[in-house]
Amino acid sequence: MPPTWHPMHTAPQIVERIWLNHLTLGPILAEGRPGRWYAPSAARQVWRWYRPVGPDTLEPFAGWLPYEALAG
């Protein structure tokens, strides 16, 4: 049974490792920093996503899971 993704508005601002369900990339492993999400790509680049400020801002993620949920 697949895990249930939590709504993004409940995601922690600061976390060591977290799974984010990207709308086009699927689950990615990211780190939470104040105001941003950081995720290293396979090319050793770092992708940055700013957290949305208002209710009308497009959110690139459909939900989140704690690291332990998919790390098993």
N, C-alpha and C. Protein backbone atom coordinates (compact mmCIF):
# COMPACT_ATOMS: atom_id res chain seq x y z
N MET A 1 0.84 -1.20 0.00
CA MET A 1 0.00 0.00 0.00
C MET A 1 0.88 1.25 0.00
N PRO A 2 0.69 2.14 -0.98
CA PRO A 2 1.54 3.34 -1.03
C PRO A 2 1.25 4.27 0.14
N PRO A 3 2.27 5.01 0.56
CA PRO A 3 2.07 5.94 1.68
C PRO A 3 1.17 7.11 1.29
N THR A 4 0.55 7.70 2.26
CA THR A 4 -0.30 8.88 2.04
C THR A 4 0.55 10.13 2.22
N TRP A 5 0.63 10.93 1.17
CA TRP A 5 1.43 12.15 1.21
C TRP A 5 0.71 13.21 2.04
N HIS A 6 1.46 13.92 2.86
CA HIS A 6 0.90 14.99 3.69
C HIS A 6 0.80 16.28 2.87
N PRO A 7 -0.20 17.12 3.15
CA PRO A 7 -0.32 18.40 2.42
C PRO A 7 0.91 19.28 2.64
N MET A 8 1.30 20.01 1.61
CA MET A 8 2.52 20.82 1.69
C MET A 8 2.44 21.92 2.74
N HIS A 9 1.23 22.42 3.05
CA HIS A 9 1.17 23.49 4.04
C HIS A 9 1.52 22.99 5.44
N THR A 10 1.62 21.66 5.62
CA THR A 10 2.02 21.12 6.92
C THR A 10 3.49 20.71 6.95
N ALA A 11 4.21 20.91 5.84
CA ALA A 11 5.61 20.49 5.77
C ALA A 11 6.48 21.33 6.70
N PRO A 12 7.46 20.70 7.35
CA PRO A 12 8.34 21.47 8.24
C PRO A 12 9.23 22.42 7.46
N GLN A 13 9.48 23.58 8.04
CA GLN A 13 10.34 24.58 7.39
C GLN A 13 11.80 24.13 7.38
N ILE A 14 12.24 23.52 8.48
CA ILE A 14 13.63 23.11 8.61
C ILE A 14 13.66 21.64 8.96
N VAL A 15 14.30 20.84 8.12
CA VAL A 15 14.36 19.40 8.36
C VAL A 15 15.62 18.88 7.67
N GLU A 16 16.23 17.85 8.25
CA GLU A 16 17.47 17.32 7.67
C GLU A 16 17.23 16.65 6.32
N ARG A 17 16.25 15.74 6.28
CA ARG A 17 15.92 15.07 5.02
C ARG A 17 14.42 14.84 4.97
N ILE A 18 13.86 15.04 3.78
CA ILE A 18 12.41 14.90 3.61
C ILE A 18 12.15 14.49 2.16
N TRP A 19 11.10 13.74 1.95
CA TRP A 19 10.68 13.39 0.59
C TRP A 19 9.62 14.40 0.15
N LEU A 20 9.80 14.95 -1.04
CA LEU A 20 8.82 15.87 -1.61
C LEU A 20 8.29 15.24 -2.89
N ASN A 21 6.98 15.24 -3.06
CA ASN A 21 6.36 14.67 -4.25
C ASN A 21 6.24 15.75 -5.31
N HIS A 22 7.24 15.85 -6.18
CA HIS A 22 7.25 16.87 -7.23
C HIS A 22 6.23 16.50 -8.30
N LEU A 23 5.53 17.50 -8.82
CA LEU A 23 4.45 17.25 -9.76
C LEU A 23 4.92 16.56 -11.04
N THR A 24 6.15 16.81 -11.49
CA THR A 24 6.64 16.18 -12.71
C THR A 24 7.77 15.20 -12.47
N LEU A 25 8.54 15.38 -11.43
CA LEU A 25 9.69 14.52 -11.17
C LEU A 25 9.37 13.34 -10.26
N GLY A 26 8.24 13.40 -9.58
CA GLY A 26 7.91 12.35 -8.61
C GLY A 26 8.63 12.58 -7.29
N PRO A 27 8.78 11.54 -6.47
CA PRO A 27 9.42 11.71 -5.16
C PRO A 27 10.90 12.08 -5.28
N ILE A 28 11.30 13.15 -4.61
CA ILE A 28 12.70 13.54 -4.57
C ILE A 28 13.10 13.74 -3.12
N LEU A 29 14.35 13.46 -2.83
CA LEU A 29 14.89 13.67 -1.49
C LEU A 29 15.40 15.09 -1.39
N ALA A 30 14.97 15.81 -0.38
CA ALA A 30 15.35 17.22 -0.25
C ALA A 30 15.71 17.53 1.19
N GLU A 31 16.31 18.69 1.38
CA GLU A 31 16.61 19.22 2.70
C GLU A 31 15.84 20.52 2.88
N GLY A 32 15.29 20.71 4.06
CA GLY A 32 14.56 21.94 4.33
C GLY A 32 15.47 22.99 4.94
N ARG A 33 15.40 24.17 4.41
CA ARG A 33 16.11 25.33 4.97
C ARG A 33 15.08 26.45 5.07
N PRO A 34 15.31 27.41 5.94
CA PRO A 34 14.31 28.47 6.09
C PRO A 34 13.97 29.13 4.76
N GLY A 35 12.72 29.00 4.34
CA GLY A 35 12.25 29.65 3.13
C GLY A 35 12.51 28.91 1.83
N ARG A 36 13.25 27.79 1.86
CA ARG A 36 13.59 27.09 0.62
C ARG A 36 13.65 25.59 0.84
N TRP A 37 13.56 24.85 -0.27
CA TRP A 37 13.90 23.44 -0.27
C TRP A 37 15.13 23.29 -1.16
N TYR A 38 16.08 22.44 -0.75
CA TYR A 38 17.27 22.16 -1.54
C TYR A 38 17.26 20.68 -1.90
N ALA A 39 17.55 20.35 -3.16
CA ALA A 39 17.63 18.96 -3.58
C ALA A 39 18.79 18.79 -4.55
N PRO A 40 19.75 17.94 -4.22
CA PRO A 40 20.84 17.70 -5.16
C PRO A 40 20.38 16.84 -6.33
N SER A 41 20.80 17.19 -7.54
CA SER A 41 20.44 16.39 -8.71
C SER A 41 21.53 15.36 -8.98
N ALA A 42 21.30 14.49 -9.95
CA ALA A 42 22.28 13.47 -10.30
C ALA A 42 23.57 14.09 -10.85
N ALA A 43 23.46 15.29 -11.41
CA ALA A 43 24.63 15.97 -11.97
C ALA A 43 25.37 16.78 -10.91
N ARG A 44 25.06 16.52 -9.65
CA ARG A 44 25.69 17.21 -8.51
C ARG A 44 25.40 18.70 -8.49
N GLN A 45 24.34 19.09 -9.18
CA GLN A 45 23.87 20.46 -9.07
C GLN A 45 22.89 20.51 -7.90
N VAL A 46 22.57 21.68 -7.47
CA VAL A 46 21.61 21.83 -6.39
C VAL A 46 20.40 22.60 -6.90
N TRP A 47 19.24 21.98 -6.80
CA TRP A 47 18.01 22.64 -7.18
C TRP A 47 17.45 23.36 -5.97
N ARG A 48 16.93 24.57 -6.17
CA ARG A 48 16.34 25.34 -5.07
C ARG A 48 14.91 25.67 -5.42
N TRP A 49 14.05 25.49 -4.46
CA TRP A 49 12.66 25.89 -4.63
C TRP A 49 12.29 26.80 -3.47
N TYR A 50 11.77 27.96 -3.80
CA TYR A 50 11.28 28.86 -2.76
C TYR A 50 9.90 28.41 -2.34
N ARG A 51 9.64 28.45 -1.07
CA ARG A 51 8.30 28.12 -0.59
C ARG A 51 7.34 29.23 -1.02
N PRO A 52 6.12 28.87 -1.40
CA PRO A 52 5.16 29.89 -1.82
C PRO A 52 4.80 30.82 -0.68
N VAL A 53 4.51 32.06 -1.02
CA VAL A 53 4.18 33.06 -0.01
C VAL A 53 2.67 33.20 0.15
N GLY A 54 1.96 33.25 -0.97
CA GLY A 54 0.52 33.47 -0.90
C GLY A 54 -0.27 32.25 -1.32
N PRO A 55 -1.57 32.27 -1.11
CA PRO A 55 -2.42 31.12 -1.44
C PRO A 55 -2.56 30.89 -2.95
N ASP A 56 -2.26 31.89 -3.77
CA ASP A 56 -2.39 31.75 -5.22
C ASP A 56 -1.08 31.33 -5.90
N THR A 57 0.00 31.18 -5.11
CA THR A 57 1.30 30.85 -5.67
C THR A 57 1.34 29.39 -6.10
N LEU A 58 1.91 29.14 -7.28
CA LEU A 58 2.01 27.77 -7.78
C LEU A 58 2.97 26.97 -6.92
N GLU A 59 2.54 25.83 -6.45
CA GLU A 59 3.35 24.97 -5.61
C GLU A 59 3.86 23.81 -6.47
N PRO A 60 5.20 23.63 -6.58
CA PRO A 60 5.71 22.55 -7.43
C PRO A 60 5.59 21.16 -6.81
N PHE A 61 5.16 21.08 -5.56
CA PHE A 61 5.07 19.79 -4.89
C PHE A 61 3.64 19.45 -4.51
N ALA A 62 3.31 18.17 -4.62
CA ALA A 62 1.96 17.71 -4.30
C ALA A 62 1.84 17.20 -2.87
N GLY A 63 2.96 17.07 -2.17
CA GLY A 63 2.90 16.60 -0.79
C GLY A 63 4.29 16.23 -0.29
N TRP A 64 4.35 15.80 0.97
CA TRP A 64 5.64 15.45 1.58
C TRP A 64 5.46 14.23 2.47
N LEU A 65 6.61 13.56 2.71
CA LEU A 65 6.68 12.43 3.63
C LEU A 65 7.95 12.55 4.45
N PRO A 66 7.93 12.06 5.69
CA PRO A 66 9.19 12.01 6.44
C PRO A 66 10.16 11.04 5.77
N TYR A 67 11.45 11.26 5.97
CA TYR A 67 12.47 10.47 5.32
C TYR A 67 12.29 8.96 5.56
N GLU A 68 11.92 8.60 6.77
CA GLU A 68 11.82 7.19 7.15
C GLU A 68 10.71 6.46 6.37
N ALA A 69 9.75 7.19 5.85
CA ALA A 69 8.61 6.57 5.17
C ALA A 69 9.01 5.82 3.90
N LEU A 70 10.01 6.33 3.18
CA LEU A 70 10.44 5.70 1.93
C LEU A 70 11.85 5.14 2.01
N ALA A 71 12.53 5.35 3.12
CA ALA A 71 13.93 4.94 3.23
C ALA A 71 14.09 3.46 3.53
N GLY A 72 12.97 2.80 3.92
CA GLY A 72 13.03 1.41 4.33
C GLY A 72 13.50 0.51 3.25
